[in-house]
C-alpha atoms as a PDB file:
ATOM      1  CA  MET A   1       9.872  -5.885 -11.123  1.00  0.00           C
ATOM      2  CA  LEU A   2       7.125  -3.728  -9.214  1.00  0.00           C
ATOM      3  CA  ARG A   3       4.844  -1.686 -11.384  1.00  0.00           C
ATOM      4  CA  ASN A   4       5.493   2.015 -10.934  1.00  0.00           C
ATOM      5  CA  SER A   5       2.104   2.558  -9.344  1.00  0.00           C
ATOM      6  CA  LEU A   6       0.070  -0.064  -7.799  1.00  0.00           C
ATOM      7  CA  SER A   7      -3.898   0.222  -7.381  1.00  0.00           C
ATOM      8  CA  LEU A   8      -4.801   1.261  -3.767  1.00  0.00           C
ATOM      9  CA  LYS A   9      -7.995  -1.068  -3.526  1.00  0.00           C
ATOM     10  CA  PRO A  10      -6.228  -4.458  -3.722  1.00  0.00           C
ATOM     11  CA  ILE A  11      -3.308  -2.957  -1.388  1.00  0.00           C
ATOM     12  CA  LEU A  12      -6.031  -2.292   1.142  1.00  0.00           C
ATOM     13  CA  LEU A  13      -7.724  -5.528   0.822  1.00  0.00           C
ATOM     14  CA  ALA A  14      -4.458  -7.330   1.100  1.00  0.00           C
ATOM     15  CA  CYS A  15      -3.793  -5.345   4.295  1.00  0.00           C
ATOM     16  CA  LEU A  16      -7.128  -6.298   5.834  1.00  0.00           C
ATOM     17  CA  GLY A  17      -6.267 -10.108   4.893  1.00  0.00           C
ATOM     18  CA  SER A  18      -2.852  -9.830   6.519  1.00  0.00           C
ATOM     19  CA  ALA A  19      -4.373  -8.347   9.685  1.00  0.00           C
ATOM     20  CA  LEU A  20      -6.937 -11.225   9.863  1.00  0.00           C
ATOM     21  CA  ILE A  21      -4.225 -13.787   9.337  1.00  0.00           C
ATOM     22  CA  GLY A  22      -2.185 -12.050  12.035  1.00  0.00           C
ATOM     23  CA  SER A  23      -4.967 -13.558  14.396  1.00  0.00           C
ATOM     24  CA  SER A  24      -4.134 -17.081  13.703  1.00  0.00           C
ATOM     25  CA  ALA A  25      -1.646 -17.371  16.449  1.00  0.00           C
ATOM     26  CA  ILE A  26      -4.274 -16.492  19.012  1.00  0.00           C
ATOM     27  CA  PHE A  27      -6.629 -19.237  17.640  1.00  0.00           C
ATOM     28  CA  VAL A  28      -3.781 -21.866  17.378  1.00  0.00           C
ATOM     29  CA  ARG A  29      -2.748 -21.251  21.096  1.00  0.00           C
ATOM     30  CA  VAL A  30      -6.423 -21.850  22.188  1.00  0.00           C
ATOM     31  CA  SER A  31      -6.621 -25.316  20.352  1.00  0.00           C
ATOM     32  CA  GLU A  32      -5.896 -28.468  22.262  1.00  0.00           C
ATOM     33  CA  LEU A  33      -5.599 -30.575  19.127  1.00  0.00           C
ATOM     34  CA  GLY A  34      -2.236 -31.411  17.639  1.00  0.00           C
ATOM     35  CA  PRO A  35      -0.692 -28.882  15.497  1.00  0.00           C
ATOM     36  CA  ILE A  36      -1.063 -30.629  12.001  1.00  0.00           C
ATOM     37  CA  THR A  37      -4.565 -31.724  13.125  1.00  0.00           C
ATOM     38  CA  THR A  38      -5.480 -27.972  13.961  1.00  0.00           C
ATOM     39  CA  GLY A  39      -4.540 -26.993  10.298  1.00  0.00           C
ATOM     40  CA  PHE A  40      -6.439 -30.026   8.957  1.00  0.00           C
ATOM     41  CA  TYR A  41      -9.730 -28.791  10.599  1.00  0.00           C
ATOM     42  CA  ARG A  42      -9.216 -25.423   9.690  1.00  0.00           C
ATOM     43  CA  MET A  43      -9.207 -26.472   6.027  1.00  0.00           C
ATOM     44  CA  LEU A  44     -12.033 -29.003   6.477  1.00  0.00           C
ATOM     45  CA  PHE A  45     -14.450 -26.421   7.910  1.00  0.00           C
ATOM     46  CA  ALA A  46     -13.371 -23.760   5.417  1.00  0.00           C
ATOM     47  CA  LEU A  47     -14.158 -25.912   2.270  1.00  0.00           C
ATOM     48  CA  PRO A  48     -17.968 -25.693   2.523  1.00  0.00           C
ATOM     49  CA  LEU A  49     -17.878 -21.916   2.608  1.00  0.00           C
ATOM     50  CA  LEU A  50     -15.265 -21.890  -0.209  1.00  0.00           C
ATOM     51  CA  ALA A  51     -17.591 -24.258  -2.283  1.00  0.00           C
ATOM     52  CA  LEU A  52     -20.326 -21.579  -1.884  1.00  0.00           C
ATOM     53  CA  TRP A  53     -18.018 -18.831  -3.010  1.00  0.00           C
ATOM     54  CA  MET A  54     -17.122 -20.889  -6.003  1.00  0.00           C
ATOM     55  CA  GLY A  55     -20.798 -21.711  -6.672  1.00  0.00           C
ATOM     56  CA  TRP A  56     -21.593 -17.878  -6.508  1.00  0.00           C
ATOM     57  CA  GLU A  57     -18.753 -17.272  -9.136  1.00  0.00           C
ATOM     58  CA  ARG A  58     -20.340 -19.712 -11.516  1.00  0.00           C
ATOM     59  CA  LYS A  59     -23.706 -18.282 -11.218  1.00  0.00           C
ATOM     60  CA  GLU A  60     -22.405 -14.978 -11.801  1.00  0.00           C
ATOM     61  CA  GLY A  61     -20.577 -16.298 -14.892  1.00  0.00           C
ATOM     62  CA  ILE A  62     -17.193 -15.379 -13.386  1.00  0.00           C
ATOM     63  CA  LEU A  63     -16.466 -19.113 -13.537  1.00  0.00           C
ATOM     64  CA  GLN A  64     -17.156 -21.613 -16.401  1.00  0.00           C
ATOM     65  CA  THR A  65     -16.506 -24.794 -14.754  1.00  0.00           C
ATOM     66  CA  LEU A  66     -16.183 -26.147 -10.968  1.00  0.00           C
ATOM     67  CA  LEU A  67     -13.580 -28.524 -12.118  1.00  0.00           C
ATOM     68  CA  PRO A  68      -9.876 -27.818 -12.756  1.00  0.00           C
ATOM     69  CA  LYS A  69      -9.153 -28.831 -16.405  1.00  0.00           C
ATOM     70  CA  LYS A  70      -5.769 -27.065 -16.557  1.00  0.00           C
ATOM     71  CA  GLY A  71      -3.174 -25.688 -14.181  1.00  0.00           C
ATOM     72  CA  ILE A  72      -3.934 -28.606 -11.902  1.00  0.00           C
ATOM     73  CA  ILE A  73      -0.234 -29.023 -11.134  1.00  0.00           C
ATOM     74  CA  GLY A  74      -0.079 -25.483 -10.160  1.00  0.00           C
ATOM     75  CA  LEU A  75      -3.014 -26.143  -7.740  1.00  0.00           C
ATOM     76  CA  ILE A  76      -1.481 -29.280  -6.339  1.00  0.00           C
ATOM     77  CA  LEU A  77       1.705 -27.361  -5.557  1.00  0.00           C
ATOM     78  CA  ALA A  78       0.176 -24.469  -4.166  1.00  0.00           C
ATOM     79  CA  GLY A  79      -2.066 -26.654  -1.738  1.00  0.00           C
ATOM     80  CA  ALA A  80       1.073 -28.783  -0.858  1.00  0.00           C
ATOM     81  CA  PHE A  81       3.065 -25.666   0.029  1.00  0.00           C
ATOM     82  CA  PHE A  82       0.197 -24.168   2.058  1.00  0.00           C
ATOM     83  CA  ALA A  83      -0.350 -27.560   3.867  1.00  0.00           C
ATOM     84  CA  PHE A  84       3.374 -27.636   4.813  1.00  0.00           C
ATOM     85  CA  ASP A  85       3.285 -24.064   5.884  1.00  0.00           C
ATOM     86  CA  LEU A  86       0.382 -24.616   8.391  1.00  0.00           C
ATOM     87  CA  ALA A  87       1.907 -27.887   9.528  1.00  0.00           C
ATOM     88  CA  LEU A  88       5.452 -26.279  10.220  1.00  0.00           C
ATOM     89  CA  TRP A  89       4.145 -23.050  11.616  1.00  0.00           C
ATOM     90  CA  ASN A  90       1.740 -24.670  14.088  1.00  0.00           C
ATOM     91  CA  TRP A  91       4.373 -27.237  14.945  1.00  0.00           C
ATOM     92  CA  SER A  92       6.957 -24.744  15.667  1.00  0.00           C
ATOM     93  CA  ILE A  93       4.614 -23.114  18.172  1.00  0.00           C
ATOM     94  CA  ASP A  94       5.005 -26.050  20.256  1.00  0.00           C
ATOM     95  CA  HIS A  95       8.894 -25.923  20.071  1.00  0.00           C
ATOM     96  CA  THR A  96       9.367 -22.306  20.352  1.00  0.00           C
ATOM     97  CA  SER A  97       7.564 -19.195  21.454  1.00  0.00           C
ATOM     98  CA  ILE A  98       4.807 -17.571  19.592  1.00  0.00           C
ATOM     99  CA  VAL A  99       7.006 -14.478  18.990  1.00  0.00           C
ATOM    100  CA  ASN A 100       9.953 -16.327  17.523  1.00  0.00           C
ATOM    101  CA  SER A 101       7.608 -18.414  15.325  1.00  0.00           C
ATOM    102  CA  THR A 102       5.863 -15.481  13.979  1.00  0.00           C
ATOM    103  CA  LEU A 103       8.881 -13.296  13.269  1.00  0.00           C
ATOM    104  CA  PHE A 104      10.605 -16.462  11.385  1.00  0.00           C
ATOM    105  CA  ASN A 105       7.508 -17.232   9.350  1.00  0.00           C
ATOM    106  CA  ASN A 106       7.494 -13.471   8.176  1.00  0.00           C
ATOM    107  CA  THR A 107      11.017 -14.122   6.609  1.00  0.00           C
ATOM    108  CA  ALA A 108       9.016 -14.808   3.471  1.00  0.00           C
ATOM    109  CA  ALA A 109       9.563 -11.322   2.382  1.00  0.00           C
ATOM    110  CA  PHE A 110      13.096 -12.103   1.947  1.00  0.00           C
ATOM    111  CA  PHE A 111      12.774 -15.569   0.526  1.00  0.00           C
ATOM    112  CA  ILE A 112      10.478 -14.562  -2.290  1.00  0.00           C
ATOM    113  CA  PRO A 113      12.947 -12.028  -4.137  1.00  0.00           C
ATOM    114  CA  LEU A 114      15.588 -14.736  -3.809  1.00  0.00           C
ATOM    115  CA  ILE A 115      13.511 -17.428  -5.435  1.00  0.00           C
ATOM    116  CA  LEU A 116      12.289 -15.136  -8.209  1.00  0.00           C
ATOM    117  CA  TRP A 117      15.706 -14.087  -8.900  1.00  0.00           C
ATOM    118  CA  PHE A 118      17.143 -17.588  -8.799  1.00  0.00           C
ATOM    119  CA  PHE A 119      14.660 -19.357 -10.706  1.00  0.00           C
ATOM    120  CA  PHE A 120      12.809 -16.836 -12.800  1.00  0.00           C
ATOM    121  CA  GLN A 121      15.483 -14.194 -13.049  1.00  0.00           C
ATOM    122  CA  GLU A 122      13.209 -11.309 -11.710  1.00  0.00           C
ATOM    123  CA  LYS A 123      15.233  -8.758  -9.889  1.00  0.00           C
ATOM    124  CA  GLN A 124      13.479  -6.442  -7.393  1.00  0.00           C
ATOM    125  CA  SER A 125      14.272  -2.787  -7.056  1.00  0.00           C
ATOM    126  CA  VAL A 126      16.654  -1.171  -4.517  1.00  0.00           C
ATOM    127  CA  ARG A 127      13.444   0.670  -3.176  1.00  0.00           C
ATOM    128  CA  PHE A 128      11.933  -2.661  -2.352  1.00  0.00           C
ATOM    129  CA  ILE A 129      14.871  -4.048  -0.690  1.00  0.00           C
ATOM    130  CA  ILE A 130      15.069  -1.073   1.498  1.00  0.00           C
ATOM    131  CA  ALA A 131      11.343  -1.267   2.184  1.00  0.00           C
ATOM    132  CA  VAL A 132      11.460  -5.049   3.234  1.00  0.00           C
ATOM    133  CA  THR A 133      14.564  -4.214   5.461  1.00  0.00           C
ATOM    134  CA  THR A 134      12.651  -1.449   7.087  1.00  0.00           C
ATOM    135  CA  GLY A 135       9.390  -3.537   7.534  1.00  0.00           C
ATOM    136  CA  PHE A 136      11.627  -6.400   9.117  1.00  0.00           C
ATOM    137  CA  ILE A 137      13.186  -4.009  11.448  1.00  0.00           C
ATOM    138  CA  GLY A 138       9.686  -2.839  12.588  1.00  0.00           C
ATOM    139  CA  CYS A 139       8.740  -6.394  13.204  1.00  0.00           C
ATOM    140  CA  VAL A 140      11.804  -7.194  15.198  1.00  0.00           C
ATOM    141  CA  MET A 141      10.825  -3.986  17.268  1.00  0.00           C
ATOM    142  CA  LEU A 142       7.468  -5.424  17.935  1.00  0.00           C
ATOM    143  CA  VAL A 143       8.991  -8.801  19.371  1.00  0.00           C
ATOM    144  CA  ILE A 144      12.265  -7.744  20.576  1.00  0.00           C
ATOM    145  CA  GLN A 145      11.294  -7.733  24.302  1.00  0.00           C
ATOM    146  CA  SER A 146      10.186 -11.330  24.069  1.00  0.00           C
ATOM    147  CA  PHE A 147      12.374 -12.706  21.301  1.00  0.00           C
ATOM    148  CA  SER A 148      15.084 -15.110  22.543  1.00  0.00           C
ATOM    149  CA  ILE A 149      17.438 -17.811  20.982  1.00  0.00           C
ATOM    150  CA  SER A 150      18.529 -20.771  22.901  1.00  0.00           C
ATOM    151  CA  PHE A 151      19.426 -24.464  22.460  1.00  0.00           C
ATOM    152  CA  MET A 152      16.066 -25.473  23.666  1.00  0.00           C
ATOM    153  CA  THR A 153      14.061 -23.389  20.988  1.00  0.00           C
ATOM    154  CA  ILE A 154      16.458 -23.721  18.035  1.00  0.00           C
ATOM    155  CA  ILE A 155      14.533 -26.657  16.531  1.00  0.00           C
ATOM    156  CA  GLY A 156      11.357 -24.606  16.590  1.00  0.00           C
ATOM    157  CA  ASP A 157      13.089 -21.719  15.274  1.00  0.00           C
ATOM    158  CA  ILE A 158      14.532 -23.709  12.191  1.00  0.00           C
ATOM    159  CA  ILE A 159      11.096 -25.186  11.789  1.00  0.00           C
ATOM    160  CA  ALA A 160       9.189 -21.650  11.682  1.00  0.00           C
ATOM    161  CA  LEU A 161      12.039 -20.563   9.383  1.00  0.00           C
ATOM    162  CA  GLY A 162      11.067 -23.464   7.118  1.00  0.00           C
ATOM    163  CA  SER A 163       7.364 -22.302   7.157  1.00  0.00           C
ATOM    164  CA  GLY A 164       8.723 -19.006   5.935  1.00  0.00           C
ATOM    165  CA  VAL A 165      10.123 -20.546   2.920  1.00  0.00           C
ATOM    166  CA  MET A 166       6.775 -22.445   2.375  1.00  0.00           C
ATOM    167  CA  VAL A 167       4.727 -19.117   2.542  1.00  0.00           C
ATOM    168  CA  ALA A 168       7.091 -17.765  -0.184  1.00  0.00           C
ATOM    169  CA  LEU A 169       6.586 -20.759  -2.380  1.00  0.00           C
ATOM    170  CA  TYR A 170       2.712 -20.590  -1.991  1.00  0.00           C
ATOM    171  CA  LEU A 171       2.496 -17.023  -2.727  1.00  0.00           C
ATOM    172  CA  ILE A 172       4.657 -17.266  -5.854  1.00  0.00           C
ATOM    173  CA  ALA A 173       2.486 -20.515  -7.004  1.00  0.00           C
ATOM    174  CA  ILE A 174      -0.811 -18.743  -6.257  1.00  0.00           C
ATOM    175  CA  GLN A 175       0.364 -15.610  -8.259  1.00  0.00           C
ATOM    176  CA  ARG A 176       1.368 -17.596 -11.286  1.00  0.00           C
ATOM    177  CA  ILE A 177      -1.955 -19.181 -11.607  1.00  0.00           C
ATOM    178  CA  ARG A 178      -3.998 -16.381 -10.099  1.00  0.00           C
ATOM    179  CA  GLU A 179      -4.532 -14.419 -13.350  1.00  0.00           C
ATOM    180  CA  GLU A 180      -6.041 -17.594 -15.108  1.00  0.00           C
ATOM    181  CA  VAL A 181      -8.688 -18.597 -12.481  1.00  0.00           C
ATOM    182  CA  SER A 182     -11.093 -16.903 -10.160  1.00  0.00           C
ATOM    183  CA  THR A 183     -10.293 -16.244  -6.417  1.00  0.00           C
ATOM    184  CA  GLY A 184     -13.073 -18.763  -5.061  1.00  0.00           C
ATOM    185  CA  PHE A 185     -12.208 -21.344  -7.310  1.00  0.00           C
ATOM    186  CA  LEU A 186      -8.364 -21.015  -6.622  1.00  0.00           C
ATOM    187  CA  MET A 187      -9.195 -21.068  -2.841  1.00  0.00           C
ATOM    188  CA  PHE A 188     -11.487 -24.081  -2.944  1.00  0.00           C
ATOM    189  CA  TRP A 189      -8.909 -26.225  -4.860  1.00  0.00           C
ATOM    190  CA  THR A 190      -5.719 -25.235  -3.207  1.00  0.00           C
ATOM    191  CA  GLY A 191      -7.769 -25.779   0.079  1.00  0.00           C
ATOM    192  CA  GLY A 192      -8.871 -29.133  -1.042  1.00  0.00           C
ATOM    193  CA  PHE A 193      -5.403 -30.443  -1.999  1.00  0.00           C
ATOM    194  CA  ALA A 194      -4.076 -28.887   0.997  1.00  0.00           C
ATOM    195  CA  LEU A 195      -6.458 -30.907   3.243  1.00  0.00           C
ATOM    196  CA  VAL A 196      -5.380 -34.131   1.729  1.00  0.00           C
ATOM    197  CA  PHE A 197      -1.693 -33.288   2.409  1.00  0.00           C
ATOM    198  CA  LEU A 198      -2.441 -32.354   6.054  1.00  0.00           C
ATOM    199  CA  PHE A 199      -4.496 -35.617   6.590  1.00  0.00           C
ATOM    200  CA  ILE A 200      -1.449 -37.469   5.372  1.00  0.00           C
ATOM    201  CA  LEU A 201       0.870 -35.699   7.709  1.00  0.00           C
ATOM    202  CA  ALA A 202      -1.376 -35.834  10.759  1.00  0.00           C
ATOM    203  CA  TYR A 203      -1.796 -39.593  10.259  1.00  0.00           C
ATOM    204  CA  SER A 204       1.895 -40.163   9.664  1.00  0.00           C
ATOM    205  CA  PHE A 205       2.823 -38.314  12.782  1.00  0.00           C
ATOM    206  CA  GLY A 206       0.076 -40.071  14.778  1.00  0.00           C
ATOM    207  CA  GLU A 207      -1.870 -36.980  15.760  1.00  0.00           C
ATOM    208  CA  SER A 208      -5.407 -37.749  17.170  1.00  0.00           C
ATOM    209  CA  PHE A 209      -8.273 -36.172  15.218  1.00  0.00           C
ATOM    210  CA  GLY A 210     -10.548 -35.930  18.455  1.00  0.00           C
ATOM    211  CA  PRO A 211     -12.338 -35.642  20.755  1.00  0.00           C
ATOM    212  CA  PHE A 212     -13.138 -31.794  20.415  1.00  0.00           C
ATOM    213  CA  THR A 213     -13.136 -29.426  23.488  1.00  0.00           C
ATOM    214  CA  PHE A 214     -15.029 -26.080  23.521  1.00  0.00           C
ATOM    215  CA  LYS A 215     -11.530 -24.428  22.896  1.00  0.00           C
ATOM    216  CA  ASP A 216     -10.963 -26.512  19.896  1.00  0.00           C
ATOM    217  CA  ILE A 217     -14.406 -25.550  18.342  1.00  0.00           C
ATOM    218  CA  VAL A 218     -13.504 -21.799  18.980  1.00  0.00           C
ATOM    219  CA  SER A 219      -9.997 -22.347  17.342  1.00  0.00           C
ATOM    220  CA  ILE A 220     -11.241 -24.335  14.396  1.00  0.00           C
ATOM    221  CA  PHE A 221     -13.916 -21.920  13.494  1.00  0.00           C
ATOM    222  CA  GLY A 222     -12.012 -18.789  14.206  1.00  0.00           C
ATOM    223  CA  GLN A 223      -9.347 -20.078  11.820  1.00  0.00           C
ATOM    224  CA  ALA A 224     -11.684 -21.421   9.136  1.00  0.00           C
ATOM    225  CA  ILE A 225     -13.952 -18.268   8.874  1.00  0.00           C
ATOM    226  CA  LEU A 226     -11.816 -15.337   9.899  1.00  0.00           C
ATOM    227  CA  VAL A 227      -8.249 -16.424   8.938  1.00  0.00           C
ATOM    228  CA  HIS A 228      -8.730 -18.542   5.880  1.00  0.00           C
ATOM    229  CA  VAL A 229     -11.916 -17.790   4.122  1.00  0.00           C
ATOM    230  CA  VAL A 230     -11.883 -14.105   4.745  1.00  0.00           C
ATOM    231  CA  GLY A 231      -8.168 -13.278   5.510  1.00  0.00           C
ATOM    232  CA  GLN A 232      -6.602 -15.696   3.169  1.00  0.00           C
ATOM    233  CA  GLY A 233      -9.373 -15.004   0.487  1.00  0.00           C
ATOM    234  CA  LEU A 234      -8.699 -11.276   0.411  1.00  0.00           C
ATOM    235  CA  LEU A 235      -4.920 -12.036   0.124  1.00  0.00           C
ATOM    236  CA  THR A 236      -5.531 -14.504  -2.787  1.00  0.00           C
ATOM    237  CA  TYR A 237      -7.726 -11.923  -4.465  1.00  0.00           C
ATOM    238  CA  SER A 238      -5.196  -9.229  -4.359  1.00  0.00           C
ATOM    239  CA  LEU A 239      -2.455 -11.601  -5.711  1.00  0.00           C
ATOM    240  CA  GLY A 240      -4.277 -11.154  -9.050  1.00  0.00           C
ATOM    241  CA  LYS A 241      -3.694  -7.313  -8.630  1.00  0.00           C
ATOM    242  CA  ILE A 242      -0.312  -6.963  -7.015  1.00  0.00           C
ATOM    243  CA  PRO A 243       2.955  -8.752  -7.081  1.00  0.00           C
ATOM    244  CA  ALA A 244       3.788 -11.694  -4.783  1.00  0.00           C
ATOM    245  CA  ALA A 245       6.790  -9.908  -3.571  1.00  0.00           C
ATOM    246  CA  TYR A 246       4.752  -6.846  -2.110  1.00  0.00           C
ATOM    247  CA  THR A 247       2.125  -9.150  -0.742  1.00  0.00           C
ATOM    248  CA  ALA A 248       4.769 -10.853   1.233  1.00  0.00           C
ATOM    249  CA  LEU A 249       5.838  -7.393   2.555  1.00  0.00           C
ATOM    250  CA  ILE A 250       2.188  -6.653   3.538  1.00  0.00           C
ATOM    251  CA  LEU A 251       2.151  -9.693   5.693  1.00  0.00           C
ATOM    252  CA  PHE A 252       4.366  -7.999   7.975  1.00  0.00           C
ATOM    253  CA  LEU A 253       1.134  -6.450   9.269  1.00  0.00           C
ATOM    254  CA  ALA A 254       0.403  -9.975  10.845  1.00  0.00           C
ATOM    255  CA  PRO A 255       2.853  -9.333  13.755  1.00  0.00           C
ATOM    256  CA  VAL A 256       1.340  -5.816  14.194  1.00  0.00           C
ATOM    257  CA  THR A 257      -2.062  -7.561  14.617  1.00  0.00           C
ATOM    258  CA  GLY A 258      -0.596 -10.036  17.050  1.00  0.00           C
ATOM    259  CA  ALA A 259       0.700  -7.134  19.170  1.00  0.00           C
ATOM    260  CA  ILE A 260      -2.622  -5.452  19.159  1.00  0.00           C
ATOM    261  CA  LEU A 261      -4.481  -8.467  20.132  1.00  0.00           C
ATOM    262  CA  GLY A 262      -1.819  -9.244  22.688  1.00  0.00           C
ATOM    263  CA  TRP A 263      -2.553  -5.840  24.273  1.00  0.00           C
ATOM    264  CA  ILE A 264      -6.330  -6.387  24.120  1.00  0.00           C
ATOM    265  CA  ILE A 265      -6.712 -10.039  25.157  1.00  0.00           C
ATOM    266  CA  TYR A 266      -3.529 -10.484  27.377  1.00  0.00           C
ATOM    267  CA  ALA A 267      -2.890  -7.031  28.550  1.00  0.00           C
ATOM    268  CA  GLU A 268       0.404  -6.987  27.133  1.00  0.00           C
ATOM    269  CA  ALA A 269       1.763  -3.474  27.137  1.00  0.00           C
ATOM    270  CA  LEU A 270       2.242  -1.477  23.786  1.00  0.00           C
ATOM    271  CA  ASP A 271       5.379   0.423  24.558  1.00  0.00           C
ATOM    272  CA  THR A 272       7.222   3.178  22.640  1.00  0.00           C
ATOM    273  CA  ILE A 273       9.358   0.450  20.930  1.00  0.00           C
ATOM    274  CA  LYS A 274       6.329  -1.474  19.706  1.00  0.00           C
ATOM    275  CA  ILE A 275       4.576   1.510  18.581  1.00  0.00           C
ATOM    276  CA  MET A 276       7.711   2.520  16.510  1.00  0.00           C
ATOM    277  CA  GLY A 277       7.929  -0.946  15.146  1.00  0.00           C
ATOM    278  CA  MET A 278       4.237  -0.455  13.797  1.00  0.00           C
ATOM    279  CA  ILE A 279       5.115   2.731  12.274  1.00  0.00           C
ATOM    280  CA  LEU A 280       8.085   1.228  10.376  1.00  0.00           C
ATOM    281  CA  VAL A 281       5.837  -1.530   9.020  1.00  0.00           C
ATOM    282  CA  MET A 282       3.282   0.957   7.759  1.00  0.00           C
ATOM    283  CA  VAL A 283       6.159   3.066   6.289  1.00  0.00           C
ATOM    284  CA  SER A 284       7.626   0.067   4.429  1.00  0.00           C
ATOM    285  CA  ILE A 285       4.337  -0.683   2.840  1.00  0.00           C
ATOM    286  CA  VAL A 286       3.648   2.787   1.733  1.00  0.00           C
ATOM    287  CA  LEU A 287       7.389   3.232   0.353  1.00  0.00           C
ATOM    288  CA  VAL A 288       6.858   0.423  -2.109  1.00  0.00           C
ATOM    289  CA  ARG A 289       3.564   1.474  -3.558  1.00  0.00           C
ATOM    290  CA  ARG A 290       5.285   4.002  -5.916  1.00  0.00           C
END
């Protein structure tokens, strides 16, 4: 169940993290590498910065050890879920539109309550269900003009829906262990395990690990720094303060960021329907805070 009142600071940080995560599609579109390899390099170049973060936590006394001595199964599972989320979502972009992929990826807000209810007997309030529905309607309004379902894109749509399930499992796994470990420690080790899984997947599907183009470099560093270290880091920090279900709801801000970036970078018009969709997403987030 959601608490009666949630602290504003972690909510705002989660919103900022979600907004940065929303820029991921722009960077993935730029990359000329394979979809899984793109995710692999995102993690590879993020790890040194995450190691510095973890080292700072050790220096400040927040962290007692750099090695995981307990909860390693949870870290491995979180890394696996995140790796499959990246692989499926990046892969779906090659088989359907970014609009479809982004929308289906954001179904995590529906999967989390179902998983929590089925496996942990945790029920969400009626207010939360209404908020999730409102936010999802807002997301639909953001993409409705470009959204389409056809036989040619059905595989990509299913893959993107699978990535939504992986996001839900990842957020639940992170929250289950977040209260016991620091943010930098959690980010580094889940990222390390995700890197291993992504390497195995990329190698198994025969994706090339090079050479790099200038676009690939821009894509990799944009994803590694802005999307993962900062965006995902803020989201992970917030998961120690707010429920996973609410965090998934806040992720509805990702399509809002995508729409704004599309307007800025690709001159895609922000019409009345899209603006109304943004307002509904904002309303859904405010609706659940109390």
